[in-house]
Protein backbone atom coordinates (compact mmCIF):
# COMPACT_ATOMS: atom_id res chain seq x y z
CA MET A 1 46.80 111.97 221.29
CA ARG A 2 47.72 109.82 218.74
CA ARG A 3 44.91 109.55 216.18
CA MET A 4 44.47 106.48 214.03
CA ALA A 5 46.48 105.85 210.26
CA LYS A 6 43.33 106.17 207.20
CA TYR A 7 44.49 103.00 205.77
CA GLY A 8 46.02 99.53 206.54
CA PRO A 9 48.71 97.42 205.77
CA LYS A 10 46.44 95.43 203.25
CA ALA A 11 45.30 98.91 201.01
CA SER A 12 49.32 99.76 201.20
CA ARG A 13 50.02 96.28 199.30
CA LYS A 14 47.11 97.21 196.86
CA VAL A 15 48.35 100.05 196.17
CA ALA A 16 52.03 99.46 195.18
CA ALA A 17 51.04 96.03 193.32
CA ALA A 18 49.40 98.48 191.82
CA LEU A 19 52.30 101.29 190.80
CA HIS A 20 54.10 98.73 189.70
CA GLU A 21 51.41 96.76 187.31
CA MET A 22 51.31 100.14 186.41
CA LYS A 23 54.59 100.68 185.71
CA ALA A 24 55.29 97.66 183.96
CA GLY A 25 52.47 98.24 181.99
CA ARG A 26 50.60 95.15 183.04
CA LEU A 27 47.92 97.70 184.50
CA LYS A 28 44.15 97.56 182.43
CA SER A 29 41.46 100.06 183.22
CA GLY A 30 37.81 99.59 182.71
CA SER A 31 37.89 100.54 179.32
CA GLY A 32 41.37 98.04 178.72
CA ARG A 33 43.08 100.06 177.96
CA PRO A 34 47.01 100.99 179.71
CA VAL A 35 46.88 102.92 182.90
CA LYS A 36 49.72 105.89 182.59
CA ASN A 37 48.22 108.07 185.25
CA PRO A 38 49.27 107.37 188.82
CA LYS A 39 46.20 108.77 190.08
CA GLN A 40 44.04 106.41 188.79
CA ALA A 41 46.46 103.21 190.08
CA ILE A 42 46.20 104.00 192.62
CA ALA A 43 42.98 104.36 192.30
CA ILE A 44 42.90 101.38 191.24
CA GLY A 45 44.53 99.66 194.22
CA LEU A 46 42.51 101.10 196.82
CA SER A 47 40.16 100.05 194.73
CA ALA A 48 40.66 96.68 194.95
CA ALA A 49 41.84 96.79 198.80
CA ARG A 50 37.76 97.18 199.28
CA ALA A 51 36.69 94.83 198.17
CA ALA A 52 39.35 92.39 199.30
CA GLY A 53 37.69 93.92 202.70
CA ALA A 54 40.79 96.65 203.13
CA LYS A 55 40.76 99.09 206.12
CA VAL A 56 39.43 101.92 203.69
CA PRO A 57 38.54 104.85 204.82
CA PRO A 58 35.12 105.40 202.06
CA ARG A 59 34.84 106.48 198.52
CA HIS A 60 34.56 110.47 197.87
CA LYS A 61 31.48 111.92 196.51
């Protein structure tokens, strides 16, 4: 049985863009400080993907 992908291609592009911006030093967190943790950059990318309506599972609580 084949399983569906959890994340859509649009979500992958948003996360890749966020990681690229983090590595360039341009990605900022909500407080305005530069993001240095890759996990935080992924979370920001997924949040942007959700806002854009991409296929992303709901946020963990």
